[in-house]
Every structure is written in C-alpha cells, then in structure tokens.
C-alpha cells in the first residue's frame, strides 16, 4: 500500500481502489533478489528500465511462482511479484477484495510542530 501511495496525486487520488489479500502456501516456490543484485540506481524515480526487465524475465522463465524484491521505500521489507503463468499459481487463494481508502491525514503537505 505504501509503494502505491507514494505515486498518488493527492489532488486526484482514485476513489475506486480495492485491497486484495491472498493466502500463499509455504510450499509455493519463490526466489528472493537481494538489493545488492539490483542495478545501483534501482531506488531512483522514475525506476530504471532494467527493473521491469527483471520482472519480465521472471514471468517468462516460470521457474518460481513468487519473486521477492526489496522495497524501494523500506529496503528490509519485500514486495512480492506473483507469476500467474506458473503452475503453482492455482495454489494461491485470493480473498475477497474490499474497498481501500487512504486516510486523509496521509495527504497532508506539512506536519504541525509539536510543542515540547
């Protein structure tokens, strides 16, 4: 949610977002890419084209169902790409989607100073 949020235009945030969660069995194959294996500029905005190529290759190869990649916002956290072409994809259960609304406080441009 945070990765998507940083790309939102606060003046034109979509009102039709949904949150979908999924149950992924531990047995589903996965590959982790460490930050050190990514291009040096992987956290830049806009993202370098090489990152999309990594995802494209992951889908084409169909060796693993999941690809764990470091979050550009919190490197110790991961984003998970799911390969719908992989045979294990059918083991993933997607829960019912629910409306998603970001709290308006997240769109504040400035924070009030706290008095000490």
PDB file of N, CA and C in Angstrom:
ATOM      1  N   UNK A   1       0.824  -1.190   0.000  1.00  0.00           N
ATOM      2  CA  UNK A   1       0.000   0.000   0.000  1.00  0.00           C
ATOM      3  C   UNK A   1       0.871   1.258   0.000  1.00  0.00           C
ATOM      4  N   UNK A   2       1.974   1.210   0.713  1.00  0.00           N
ATOM      5  CA  UNK A   2       2.860   2.368   0.772  1.00  0.00           C
ATOM      6  C   UNK A   2       3.539   2.604  -0.575  1.00  0.00           C
ATOM      7  N   UNK A   3       3.959   1.530  -1.222  1.00  0.00           N
ATOM      8  CA  UNK A   3       4.599   1.660  -2.533  1.00  0.00           C
ATOM      9  C   UNK A   3       3.648   2.348  -3.527  1.00  0.00           C
ATOM     10  N   UNK A   4       2.386   2.007  -3.482  1.00  0.00           N
ATOM     11  CA  UNK A   4       1.410   2.626  -4.381  1.00  0.00           C
ATOM     12  C   UNK A   4       1.130   4.064  -3.956  1.00  0.00           C
ATOM     13  N   UNK A   5       1.024   4.281  -2.668  1.00  0.00           N
ATOM     14  CA  UNK A   5       0.677   5.601  -2.139  1.00  0.00           C
ATOM     15  C   UNK A   5       1.650   6.683  -2.599  1.00  0.00           C
ATOM     16  N   UNK A   6       2.943   6.389  -2.599  1.00  0.00           N
ATOM     17  CA  UNK A   6       3.918   7.425  -2.946  1.00  0.00           C
ATOM     18  C   UNK A   6       3.769   7.908  -4.380  1.00  0.00           C
ATOM     19  N   UNK A   7       3.033   7.176  -5.203  1.00  0.00           N
ATOM     20  CA  UNK A   7       2.829   7.578  -6.590  1.00  0.00           C
ATOM     21  C   UNK A   7       1.479   8.260  -6.824  1.00  0.00           C
ATOM     22  N   UNK A   8       0.692   8.400  -5.780  1.00  0.00           N
ATOM     23  CA  UNK A   8      -0.625   9.025  -5.922  1.00  0.00           C
ATOM     24  C   UNK A   8      -0.517  10.537  -6.002  1.00  0.00           C
ATOM     25  N   UNK A   9      -1.383  11.121  -6.796  1.00  0.00           N
ATOM     26  CA  UNK A   9      -1.524  12.567  -6.850  1.00  0.00           C
ATOM     27  C   UNK A   9      -2.586  12.925  -5.809  1.00  0.00           C
ATOM     28  N   UNK A  10      -2.206  13.644  -4.736  1.00  0.00           N
ATOM     29  CA  UNK A  10      -3.179  13.934  -3.679  1.00  0.00           C
ATOM     30  C   UNK A  10      -4.396  14.720  -4.170  1.00  0.00           C
ATOM     31  N   UNK A  11      -4.234  15.444  -5.278  1.00  0.00           N
ATOM     32  CA  UNK A  11      -5.349  16.218  -5.823  1.00  0.00           C
ATOM     33  C   UNK A  11      -6.271  15.358  -6.684  1.00  0.00           C
ATOM     34  N   UNK A  12      -5.811  14.169  -7.045  1.00  0.00           N
ATOM     35  CA  UNK A  12      -6.587  13.324  -7.947  1.00  0.00           C
ATOM     36  C   UNK A  12      -6.471  11.849  -7.561  1.00  0.00           C
ATOM     37  N   UNK A  13      -6.547  11.569  -6.268  1.00  0.00           N
ATOM     38  CA  UNK A  13      -6.444  10.179  -5.805  1.00  0.00           C
ATOM     39  C   UNK A  13      -7.674   9.405  -6.273  1.00  0.00           C
ATOM     40  N   UNK A  14      -7.488   8.205  -6.790  1.00  0.00           N
ATOM     41  CA  UNK A  14      -8.637   7.423  -7.264  1.00  0.00           C
ATOM     42  C   UNK A  14      -9.574   7.057  -6.117  1.00  0.00           C
ATOM     43  N   UNK A  15     -10.854   7.005  -6.429  1.00  0.00           N
ATOM     44  CA  UNK A  15     -11.830   6.666  -5.391  1.00  0.00           C
ATOM     45  C   UNK A  15     -12.349   5.238  -5.554  1.00  0.00           C
ATOM     46  N   UNK A  16     -11.718   4.486  -6.438  1.00  0.00           N
ATOM     47  CA  UNK A  16     -12.192   3.124  -6.695  1.00  0.00           C
ATOM     48  C   UNK A  16     -11.124   2.071  -6.379  1.00  0.00           C
ATOM     49  N   UNK A  17     -10.212   2.377  -5.478  1.00  0.00           N
ATOM     50  CA  UNK A  17      -9.173   1.408  -5.112  1.00  0.00           C
ATOM     51  C   UNK A  17      -9.760   0.267  -4.287  1.00  0.00           C
ATOM     52  N   UNK A  18      -9.179  -0.903  -4.452  1.00  0.00           N
ATOM     53  CA  UNK A  18      -9.575  -2.051  -3.643  1.00  0.00           C
ATOM     54  C   UNK A  18      -8.315  -2.695  -3.066  1.00  0.00           C
ATOM     55  N   UNK A  19      -8.486  -3.351  -1.945  1.00  0.00           N
ATOM     56  CA  UNK A  19      -7.410  -4.094  -1.304  1.00  0.00           C
ATOM     57  C   UNK A  19      -7.733  -5.570  -1.430  1.00  0.00           C
ATOM     58  N   UNK A  20      -6.807  -6.303  -2.022  1.00  0.00           N
ATOM     59  CA  UNK A  20      -6.979  -7.746  -2.152  1.00  0.00           C
ATOM     60  C   UNK A  20      -5.825  -8.426  -1.425  1.00  0.00           C
ATOM     61  N   UNK A  21      -6.146  -9.353  -0.570  1.00  0.00           N
ATOM     62  CA  UNK A  21      -5.127 -10.136   0.119  1.00  0.00           C
ATOM     63  C   UNK A  21      -5.196 -11.560  -0.399  1.00  0.00           C
ATOM     64  N   UNK A  22      -4.144 -12.320  -0.127  1.00  0.00           N
ATOM     65  CA  UNK A  22      -4.102 -13.693  -0.629  1.00  0.00           C
ATOM     66  C   UNK A  22      -3.451 -14.601   0.400  1.00  0.00           C
ATOM     67  N   UNK A  23      -3.842 -15.863   0.343  1.00  0.00           N
ATOM     68  CA  UNK A  23      -3.224 -16.914   1.159  1.00  0.00           C
ATOM     69  C   UNK A  23      -2.253 -17.656   0.248  1.00  0.00           C
ATOM     70  N   UNK A  24      -0.982 -17.638   0.641  1.00  0.00           N
ATOM     71  CA  UNK A  24       0.058 -18.279  -0.168  1.00  0.00           C
ATOM     72  C   UNK A  24       0.694 -19.395   0.657  1.00  0.00           C
ATOM     73  N   UNK A  25       0.513 -20.640   0.245  1.00  0.00           N
ATOM     74  CA  UNK A  25       1.133 -21.739   0.990  1.00  0.00           C
ATOM     75  C   UNK A  25       2.662 -21.625   1.003  1.00  0.00           C
ATOM     76  N   UNK A  26       3.268 -22.045   2.092  1.00  0.00           N
ATOM     77  CA  UNK A  26       4.732 -22.025   2.208  1.00  0.00           C
ATOM     78  C   UNK A  26       5.396 -22.854   1.116  1.00  0.00           C
ATOM     79  N   UNK A  27       4.689 -23.847   0.604  1.00  0.00           N
ATOM     80  CA  UNK A  27       5.254 -24.742  -0.405  1.00  0.00           C
ATOM     81  C   UNK A  27       5.384 -24.092  -1.789  1.00  0.00           C
ATOM     82  N   UNK A  28       4.758 -22.945  -2.000  1.00  0.00           N
ATOM     83  CA  UNK A  28       4.827 -22.279  -3.307  1.00  0.00           C
ATOM     84  C   UNK A  28       6.262 -21.786  -3.517  1.00  0.00           C
ATOM     85  N   UNK A  29       6.825 -22.099  -4.683  1.00  0.00           N
ATOM     86  CA  UNK A  29       8.218 -21.765  -4.973  1.00  0.00           C
ATOM     87  C   UNK A  29       8.425 -20.253  -5.033  1.00  0.00           C
ATOM     88  N   UNK A  30       9.599 -19.848  -4.562  1.00  0.00           N
ATOM     89  CA  UNK A  30       9.902 -18.424  -4.528  1.00  0.00           C
ATOM     90  C   UNK A  30      11.393 -18.183  -4.710  1.00  0.00           C
ATOM     91  N   UNK A  31      11.676 -17.025  -5.220  1.00  0.00           N
ATOM     92  CA  UNK A  31      13.059 -16.590  -5.387  1.00  0.00           C
ATOM     93  C   UNK A  31      13.165 -15.194  -4.783  1.00  0.00           C
ATOM     94  N   UNK A  32      14.244 -14.957  -4.061  1.00  0.00           N
ATOM     95  CA  UNK A  32      14.473 -13.637  -3.467  1.00  0.00           C
ATOM     96  C   UNK A  32      15.627 -12.960  -4.194  1.00  0.00           C
ATOM     97  N   UNK A  33      15.423 -11.709  -4.536  1.00  0.00           N
ATOM     98  CA  UNK A  33      16.503 -10.910  -5.115  1.00  0.00           C
ATOM     99  C   UNK A  33      16.974  -9.942  -4.032  1.00  0.00           C
ATOM    100  N   UNK A  34      18.245  -9.983  -3.740  1.00  0.00           N
ATOM    101  CA  UNK A  34      18.824  -9.080  -2.754  1.00  0.00           C
ATOM    102  C   UNK A  34      19.088  -7.725  -3.398  1.00  0.00           C
ATOM    103  N   UNK A  35      19.045  -6.671  -2.598  1.00  0.00           N
ATOM    104  CA  UNK A  35      19.285  -5.315  -3.101  1.00  0.00           C
ATOM    105  C   UNK A  35      20.638  -5.223  -3.795  1.00  0.00           C
ATOM    106  N   UNK A  36      21.613  -5.954  -3.297  1.00  0.00           N
ATOM    107  CA  UNK A  36      22.958  -5.902  -3.879  1.00  0.00           C
ATOM    108  C   UNK A  36      23.000  -6.464  -5.307  1.00  0.00           C
ATOM    109  N   UNK A  37      21.991  -7.236  -5.696  1.00  0.00           N
ATOM    110  CA  UNK A  37      21.943  -7.808  -7.040  1.00  0.00           C
ATOM    111  C   UNK A  37      21.203  -6.910  -8.032  1.00  0.00           C
ATOM    112  N   UNK A  38      20.656  -5.803  -7.540  1.00  0.00           N
ATOM    113  CA  UNK A  38      19.912  -4.882  -8.397  1.00  0.00           C
ATOM    114  C   UNK A  38      20.839  -3.796  -8.934  1.00  0.00           C
ATOM    115  N   UNK A  39      20.431  -3.119 -10.019  1.00  0.00           N
ATOM    116  CA  UNK A  39      21.249  -2.015 -10.534  1.00  0.00           C
ATOM    117  C   UNK A  39      21.462  -0.954  -9.444  1.00  0.00           C
ATOM    118  N   UNK A  40      22.574  -0.249  -9.504  1.00  0.00           N
ATOM    119  CA  UNK A  40      22.914   0.744  -8.484  1.00  0.00           C
ATOM    120  C   UNK A  40      21.825   1.815  -8.325  1.00  0.00           C
ATOM    121  N   UNK A  41      21.108   2.115  -9.400  1.00  0.00           N
ATOM    122  CA  UNK A  41      20.095   3.182  -9.360  1.00  0.00           C
ATOM    123  C   UNK A  41      18.675   2.646  -9.162  1.00  0.00           C
ATOM    124  N   UNK A  42      18.533   1.467  -8.595  1.00  0.00           N
ATOM    125  CA  UNK A  42      17.219   0.821  -8.507  1.00  0.00           C
ATOM    126  C   UNK A  42      16.213   1.586  -7.669  1.00  0.00           C
ATOM    127  N   UNK A  43      16.654   2.471  -6.796  1.00  0.00           N
ATOM    128  CA  UNK A  43      15.721   3.233  -5.946  1.00  0.00           C
ATOM    129  C   UNK A  43      15.383   4.604  -6.529  1.00  0.00           C
ATOM    130  N   UNK A  44      15.891   4.912  -7.693  1.00  0.00           N
ATOM    131  CA  UNK A  44      15.661   6.213  -8.317  1.00  0.00           C
ATOM    132  C   UNK A  44      14.229   6.335  -8.838  1.00  0.00           C
ATOM    133  N   UNK A  45      13.800   7.584  -8.992  1.00  0.00           N
ATOM    134  CA  UNK A  45      12.485   7.880  -9.557  1.00  0.00           C
ATOM    135  C   UNK A  45      12.721   8.698 -10.819  1.00  0.00           C
ATOM    136  N   UNK A  46      12.214   8.272 -11.948  1.00  0.00           N
ATOM    137  CA  UNK A  46      11.476   7.034 -12.173  1.00  0.00           C
ATOM    138  C   UNK A  46      12.411   5.822 -12.115  1.00  0.00           C
ATOM    139  N   UNK A  47      11.812   4.677 -11.923  1.00  0.00           N
ATOM    140  CA  UNK A  47      12.571   3.433 -11.822  1.00  0.00           C
ATOM    141  C   UNK A  47      13.298   3.171 -13.144  1.00  0.00           C
ATOM    142  N   UNK A  48      14.520   2.685 -13.064  1.00  0.00           N
ATOM    143  CA  UNK A  48      15.250   2.369 -14.303  1.00  0.00           C
ATOM    144  C   UNK A  48      14.594   1.206 -15.047  1.00  0.00           C
ATOM    145  N   UNK A  49      14.668   1.235 -16.377  1.00  0.00           N
ATOM    146  CA  UNK A  49      14.033   0.187 -17.190  1.00  0.00           C
ATOM    147  C   UNK A  49      14.511  -1.220 -16.846  1.00  0.00           C
ATOM    148  N   UNK A  50      15.719  -1.347 -16.344  1.00  0.00           N
ATOM    149  CA  UNK A  50      16.252  -2.664 -16.013  1.00  0.00           C
ATOM    150  C   UNK A  50      15.415  -3.401 -14.991  1.00  0.00           C
ATOM    151  N   UNK A  51      14.722  -2.675 -14.132  1.00  0.00           N
ATOM    152  CA  UNK A  51      13.881  -3.335 -13.126  1.00  0.00           C
ATOM    153  C   UNK A  51      12.707  -4.045 -13.777  1.00  0.00           C
ATOM    154  N   UNK A  52      12.089  -3.410 -14.738  1.00  0.00           N
ATOM    155  CA  UNK A  52      10.974  -4.042 -15.443  1.00  0.00           C
ATOM    156  C   UNK A  52      11.463  -5.285 -16.187  1.00  0.00           C
ATOM    157  N   UNK A  53      12.676  -5.240 -16.700  1.00  0.00           N
ATOM    158  CA  UNK A  53      13.238  -6.395 -17.412  1.00  0.00           C
ATOM    159  C   UNK A  53      13.404  -7.579 -16.472  1.00  0.00           C
ATOM    160  N   UNK A  54      13.778  -7.313 -15.215  1.00  0.00           N
ATOM    161  CA  UNK A  54      13.904  -8.391 -14.229  1.00  0.00           C
ATOM    162  C   UNK A  54      12.545  -9.074 -14.041  1.00  0.00           C
ATOM    163  N   UNK A  55      11.496  -8.282 -13.891  1.00  0.00           N
ATOM    164  CA  UNK A  55      10.153  -8.834 -13.741  1.00  0.00           C
ATOM    165  C   UNK A  55       9.693  -9.580 -14.976  1.00  0.00           C
ATOM    166  N   UNK A  56       9.991  -9.028 -16.152  1.00  0.00           N
ATOM    167  CA  UNK A  56       9.613  -9.689 -17.405  1.00  0.00           C
ATOM    168  C   UNK A  56      10.294 -11.054 -17.530  1.00  0.00           C
ATOM    169  N   UNK A  57      11.571 -11.102 -17.205  1.00  0.00           N
ATOM    170  CA  UNK A  57      12.313 -12.367 -17.281  1.00  0.00           C
ATOM    171  C   UNK A  57      11.770 -13.383 -16.280  1.00  0.00           C
ATOM    172  N   UNK A  58      11.424 -12.905 -15.099  1.00  0.00           N
ATOM    173  CA  UNK A  58      10.849 -13.780 -14.073  1.00  0.00           C
ATOM    174  C   UNK A  58       9.593 -14.464 -14.603  1.00  0.00           C
ATOM    175  N   UNK A  59       8.723 -13.717 -15.241  1.00  0.00           N
ATOM    176  CA  UNK A  59       7.477 -14.281 -15.767  1.00  0.00           C
ATOM    177  C   UNK A  59       7.760 -15.237 -16.919  1.00  0.00           C
ATOM    178  N   UNK A  60       8.665 -14.871 -17.805  1.00  0.00           N
ATOM    179  CA  UNK A  60       8.986 -15.724 -18.965  1.00  0.00           C
ATOM    180  C   UNK A  60       9.584 -17.062 -18.541  1.00  0.00           C
ATOM    181  N   UNK A  61      10.470 -17.046 -17.552  1.00  0.00           N
ATOM    182  CA  UNK A  61      11.183 -18.252 -17.165  1.00  0.00           C
ATOM    183  C   UNK A  61      10.296 -19.261 -16.430  1.00  0.00           C
ATOM    184  N   UNK A  62       9.302 -18.820 -15.751  1.00  0.00           N
ATOM    185  CA  UNK A  62       8.370 -19.655 -14.972  1.00  0.00           C
ATOM    186  C   UNK A  62       9.062 -20.669 -14.059  1.00  0.00           C
ATOM    187  N   UNK A  63      10.248 -20.326 -13.555  1.00  0.00           N
ATOM    188  CA  UNK A  63      10.952 -21.229 -12.632  1.00  0.00           C
ATOM    189  C   UNK A  63      10.361 -21.173 -11.222  1.00  0.00           C
ATOM    190  N   UNK A  64       9.894 -20.005 -10.819  1.00  0.00           N
ATOM    191  CA  UNK A  64       9.304 -19.813  -9.496  1.00  0.00           C
ATOM    192  C   UNK A  64       7.975 -19.096  -9.629  1.00  0.00           C
ATOM    193  N   UNK A  65       7.120 -19.307  -8.665  1.00  0.00           N
ATOM    194  CA  UNK A  65       5.815 -18.645  -8.674  1.00  0.00           C
ATOM    195  C   UNK A  65       5.896 -17.239  -8.077  1.00  0.00           C
ATOM    196  N   UNK A  66       6.773 -17.062  -7.084  1.00  0.00           N
ATOM    197  CA  UNK A  66       6.900 -15.778  -6.406  1.00  0.00           C
ATOM    198  C   UNK A  66       8.300 -15.210  -6.581  1.00  0.00           C
ATOM    199  N   UNK A  67       8.380 -13.903  -6.719  1.00  0.00           N
ATOM    200  CA  UNK A  67       9.660 -13.206  -6.748  1.00  0.00           C
ATOM    201  C   UNK A  67       9.613 -12.139  -5.666  1.00  0.00           C
ATOM    202  N   UNK A  68      10.478 -12.280  -4.669  1.00  0.00           N
ATOM    203  CA  UNK A  68      10.555 -11.309  -3.581  1.00  0.00           C
ATOM    204  C   UNK A  68      11.640 -10.305  -3.922  1.00  0.00           C
ATOM    205  N   UNK A  69      11.254  -9.050  -3.980  1.00  0.00           N
ATOM    206  CA  UNK A  69      12.185  -7.973  -4.311  1.00  0.00           C
ATOM    207  C   UNK A  69      12.163  -6.935  -3.203  1.00  0.00           C
ATOM    208  N   UNK A  70      13.299  -6.297  -2.929  1.00  0.00           N
ATOM    209  CA  UNK A  70      13.323  -5.305  -1.859  1.00  0.00           C
ATOM    210  C   UNK A  70      12.433  -4.107  -2.194  1.00  0.00           C
ATOM    211  N   UNK A  71      11.823  -3.561  -1.179  1.00  0.00           N
ATOM    212  CA  UNK A  71      11.023  -2.350  -1.325  1.00  0.00           C
ATOM    213  C   UNK A  71      11.966  -1.161  -1.470  1.00  0.00           C
ATOM    214  N   UNK A  72      11.680  -0.275  -2.410  1.00  0.00           N
ATOM    215  CA  UNK A  72      12.491   0.930  -2.577  1.00  0.00           C
ATOM    216  C   UNK A  72      12.308   1.879  -1.399  1.00  0.00           C
ATOM    217  N   UNK A  73      11.206   1.742  -0.680  1.00  0.00           N
ATOM    218  CA  UNK A  73      10.926   2.631   0.448  1.00  0.00           C
ATOM    219  C   UNK A  73      11.473   2.095   1.760  1.00  0.00           C
ATOM    220  N   UNK A  74      11.473   0.790   1.922  1.00  0.00           N
ATOM    221  CA  UNK A  74      11.964   0.153   3.143  1.00  0.00           C
ATOM    222  C   UNK A  74      12.729  -1.093   2.706  1.00  0.00           C
ATOM    223  N   UNK A  75      14.025  -0.936   2.492  1.00  0.00           N
ATOM    224  CA  UNK A  75      14.845  -1.981   1.880  1.00  0.00           C
ATOM    225  C   UNK A  75      14.791  -3.307   2.637  1.00  0.00           C
ATOM    226  N   UNK A  76      14.528  -3.265   3.933  1.00  0.00           N
ATOM    227  CA  UNK A  76      14.465  -4.514   4.694  1.00  0.00           C
ATOM    228  C   UNK A  76      13.128  -5.230   4.505  1.00  0.00           C
ATOM    229  N   UNK A  77      12.191  -4.604   3.820  1.00  0.00           N
ATOM    230  CA  UNK A  77      10.892  -5.211   3.503  1.00  0.00           C
ATOM    231  C   UNK A  77      10.899  -5.652   2.041  1.00  0.00           C
ATOM    232  N   UNK A  78       9.947  -6.500   1.681  1.00  0.00           N
ATOM    233  CA  UNK A  78       9.874  -7.002   0.312  1.00  0.00           C
ATOM    234  C   UNK A  78       8.526  -6.737  -0.325  1.00  0.00           C
ATOM    235  N   UNK A  79       8.571  -6.568  -1.626  1.00  0.00           N
ATOM    236  CA  UNK A  79       7.378  -6.645  -2.455  1.00  0.00           C
ATOM    237  C   UNK A  79       7.404  -8.037  -3.068  1.00  0.00           C
ATOM    238  N   UNK A  80       6.236  -8.580  -3.345  1.00  0.00           N
ATOM    239  CA  UNK A  80       6.169  -9.925  -3.904  1.00  0.00           C
ATOM    240  C   UNK A  80       5.463  -9.868  -5.247  1.00  0.00           C
ATOM    241  N   UNK A  81       6.166 -10.318  -6.270  1.00  0.00           N
ATOM    242  CA  UNK A  81       5.570 -10.437  -7.593  1.00  0.00           C
ATOM    243  C   UNK A  81       5.071 -11.871  -7.733  1.00  0.00           C
ATOM    244  N   UNK A  82       3.880 -12.027  -8.274  1.00  0.00           N
ATOM    245  CA  UNK A  82       3.292 -13.351  -8.452  1.00  0.00           C
ATOM    246  C   UNK A  82       3.225 -13.643  -9.948  1.00  0.00           C
ATOM    247  N   UNK A  83       3.727 -14.800 -10.324  1.00  0.00           N
ATOM    248  CA  UNK A  83       3.715 -15.193 -11.728  1.00  0.00           C
ATOM    249  C   UNK A  83       2.463 -16.019 -12.029  1.00  0.00           C
ATOM    250  N   UNK A  84       1.467 -15.429 -12.695  1.00  0.00           N
ATOM    251  CA  UNK A  84       0.228 -16.162 -12.991  1.00  0.00           C
ATOM    252  C   UNK A  84       0.427 -17.282 -14.012  1.00  0.00           C
ATOM    253  N   UNK A  85       1.568 -17.314 -14.691  1.00  0.00           N
ATOM    254  CA  UNK A  85       1.851 -18.375 -15.667  1.00  0.00           C
ATOM    255  C   UNK A  85       2.428 -19.632 -15.009  1.00  0.00           C
ATOM    256  N   UNK A  86       2.836 -19.501 -13.768  1.00  0.00           N
ATOM    257  CA  UNK A  86       3.463 -20.645 -13.093  1.00  0.00           C
ATOM    258  C   UNK A  86       2.385 -21.641 -12.665  1.00  0.00           C
ATOM    259  N   UNK A  87       2.659 -22.950 -12.783  1.00  0.00           N
ATOM    260  CA  UNK A  87       1.660 -23.963 -12.403  1.00  0.00           C
ATOM    261  C   UNK A  87       1.204 -23.872 -10.945  1.00  0.00           C
ATOM    262  N   UNK A  88       2.061 -23.395 -10.049  1.00  0.00           N
ATOM    263  CA  UNK A  88       1.697 -23.291  -8.633  1.00  0.00           C
ATOM    264  C   UNK A  88       0.767 -22.110  -8.344  1.00  0.00           C
ATOM    265  N   UNK A  89       0.570 -21.249  -9.328  1.00  0.00           N
ATOM    266  CA  UNK A  89      -0.297 -20.079  -9.127  1.00  0.00           C
ATOM    267  C   UNK A  89      -1.680 -20.490  -8.628  1.00  0.00           C
ATOM    268  N   UNK A  90      -2.174 -21.631  -9.089  1.00  0.00           N
ATOM    269  CA  UNK A  90      -3.515 -22.079  -8.702  1.00  0.00           C
ATOM    270  C   UNK A  90      -3.609 -22.450  -7.222  1.00  0.00           C
ATOM    271  N   UNK A  91      -2.464 -22.583  -6.535  1.00  0.00           N
ATOM    272  CA  UNK A  91      -2.470 -22.875  -5.098  1.00  0.00           C
ATOM    273  C   UNK A  91      -2.715 -21.616  -4.249  1.00  0.00           C
ATOM    274  N   UNK A  92      -2.624 -20.464  -4.870  1.00  0.00           N
ATOM    275  CA  UNK A  92      -2.810 -19.197  -4.160  1.00  0.00           C
ATOM    276  C   UNK A  92      -4.292 -18.863  -4.129  1.00  0.00           C
ATOM    277  N   UNK A  93      -4.788 -18.593  -2.937  1.00  0.00           N
ATOM    278  CA  UNK A  93      -6.197 -18.237  -2.772  1.00  0.00           C
ATOM    279  C   UNK A  93      -6.302 -16.731  -2.557  1.00  0.00           C
ATOM    280  N   UNK A  94      -6.983 -16.069  -3.473  1.00  0.00           N
ATOM    281  CA  UNK A  94      -7.190 -14.625  -3.341  1.00  0.00           C
ATOM    282  C   UNK A  94      -8.476 -14.411  -2.553  1.00  0.00           C
ATOM    283  N   UNK A  95      -8.365 -13.648  -1.476  1.00  0.00           N
ATOM    284  CA  UNK A  95      -9.532 -13.341  -0.652  1.00  0.00           C
ATOM    285  C   UNK A  95     -10.391 -12.279  -1.327  1.00  0.00           C
ATOM    286  N   UNK A  96     -11.594 -12.130  -0.842  1.00  0.00           N
ATOM    287  CA  UNK A  96     -12.499 -11.143  -1.425  1.00  0.00           C
ATOM    288  C   UNK A  96     -11.920  -9.742  -1.270  1.00  0.00           C
ATOM    289  N   UNK A  97     -11.937  -8.992  -2.351  1.00  0.00           N
ATOM    290  CA  UNK A  97     -11.435  -7.616  -2.332  1.00  0.00           C
ATOM    291  C   UNK A  97     -12.365  -6.735  -1.511  1.00  0.00           C
ATOM    292  N   UNK A  98     -11.769  -5.721  -0.908  1.00  0.00           N
ATOM    293  CA  UNK A  98     -12.557  -4.760  -0.127  1.00  0.00           C
ATOM    294  C   UNK A  98     -12.138  -3.356  -0.520  1.00  0.00           C
ATOM    295  N   UNK A  99     -13.037  -2.388  -0.372  1.00  0.00           N
ATOM    296  CA  UNK A  99     -12.684  -1.008  -0.741  1.00  0.00           C
ATOM    297  C   UNK A  99     -11.480  -0.528   0.068  1.00  0.00           C
ATOM    298  N   UNK A 100     -10.636   0.260  -0.583  1.00  0.00           N
ATOM    299  CA  UNK A 100      -9.459   0.812   0.073  1.00  0.00           C
ATOM    300  C   UNK A 100      -9.509   2.329  -0.009  1.00  0.00           C
ATOM    301  N   UNK A 101      -9.430   2.946   1.119  1.00  0.00           N
ATOM    302  CA  UNK A 101      -9.369   4.401   1.192  1.00  0.00           C
ATOM    303  C   UNK A 101      -8.171   4.763   2.059  1.00  0.00           C
ATOM    304  N   UNK A 102      -7.299   5.591   1.516  1.00  0.00           N
ATOM    305  CA  UNK A 102      -6.180   6.081   2.321  1.00  0.00           C
ATOM    306  C   UNK A 102      -6.703   7.145   3.274  1.00  0.00           C
ATOM    307  N   UNK A 103      -6.196   7.134   4.477  1.00  0.00           N
ATOM    308  CA  UNK A 103      -6.584   8.118   5.474  1.00  0.00           C
ATOM    309  C   UNK A 103      -6.182   9.508   4.973  1.00  0.00           C
ATOM    310  N   UNK A 104      -7.083  10.482   5.026  1.00  0.00           N
ATOM    311  CA  UNK A 104      -6.770  11.827   4.519  1.00  0.00           C
ATOM    312  C   UNK A 104      -5.531  12.450   5.171  1.00  0.00           C
ATOM    313  N   UNK A 105      -5.208  12.043   6.383  1.00  0.00           N
ATOM    314  CA  UNK A 105      -4.021  12.596   7.046  1.00  0.00           C
ATOM    315  C   UNK A 105      -2.743  12.248   6.292  1.00  0.00           C
ATOM    316  N   UNK A 106      -2.781  11.194   5.494  1.00  0.00           N
ATOM    317  CA  UNK A 106      -1.592  10.804   4.737  1.00  0.00           C
ATOM    318  C   UNK A 106      -1.285  11.800   3.615  1.00  0.00           C
ATOM    319  N   UNK A 107      -2.258  12.603   3.246  1.00  0.00           N
ATOM    320  CA  UNK A 107      -2.077  13.564   2.156  1.00  0.00           C
ATOM    321  C   UNK A 107      -1.663  14.951   2.645  1.00  0.00           C
ATOM    322  N   UNK A 108      -1.502  15.136   3.941  1.00  0.00           N
ATOM    323  CA  UNK A 108      -1.099  16.441   4.458  1.00  0.00           C
ATOM    324  C   UNK A 108       0.266  16.822   3.895  1.00  0.00           C
ATOM    325  N   UNK A 109       0.384  18.093   3.534  1.00  0.00           N
ATOM    326  CA  UNK A 109       1.646  18.567   2.982  1.00  0.00           C
ATOM    327  C   UNK A 109       2.649  18.918   4.070  1.00  0.00           C
ATOM    328  N   UNK A 110       2.164  19.366   5.193  1.00  0.00           N
ATOM    329  CA  UNK A 110       3.072  19.713   6.283  1.00  0.00           C
ATOM    330  C   UNK A 110       2.556  19.104   7.565  1.00  0.00           C
ATOM    331  N   UNK A 111       3.432  18.933   8.490  1.00  0.00           N
ATOM    332  CA  UNK A 111       3.051  18.420   9.797  1.00  0.00           C
ATOM    333  C   UNK A 111       3.111  19.571  10.790  1.00  0.00           C
ATOM    334  N   UNK A 112       2.178  19.548  11.695  1.00  0.00           N
ATOM    335  CA  UNK A 112       2.200  20.557  12.746  1.00  0.00           C
ATOM    336  C   UNK A 112       3.393  20.301  13.661  1.00  0.00           C
ATOM    337  N   UNK A 113       4.017  21.352  14.088  1.00  0.00           N
ATOM    338  CA  UNK A 113       5.136  21.250  15.009  1.00  0.00           C
ATOM    339  C   UNK A 113       4.604  20.868  16.382  1.00  0.00           C
ATOM    340  N   UNK A 114       5.264  19.929  17.018  1.00  0.00           N
ATOM    341  CA  UNK A 114       4.884  19.559  18.375  1.00  0.00           C
ATOM    342  C   UNK A 114       5.558  20.485  19.355  1.00  0.00           C
ATOM    343  N   UNK A 115       4.831  20.862  20.374  1.00  0.00           N
ATOM    344  CA  UNK A 115       5.422  21.684  21.428  1.00  0.00           C
ATOM    345  C   UNK A 115       6.016  20.760  22.465  1.00  0.00           C
ATOM    346  N   UNK A 116       7.211  21.071  22.878  1.00  0.00           N
ATOM    347  CA  UNK A 116       7.892  20.242  23.876  1.00  0.00           C
ATOM    348  C   UNK A 116       7.797  20.861  25.238  1.00  0.00           C
TER     349      UNK A 116
END
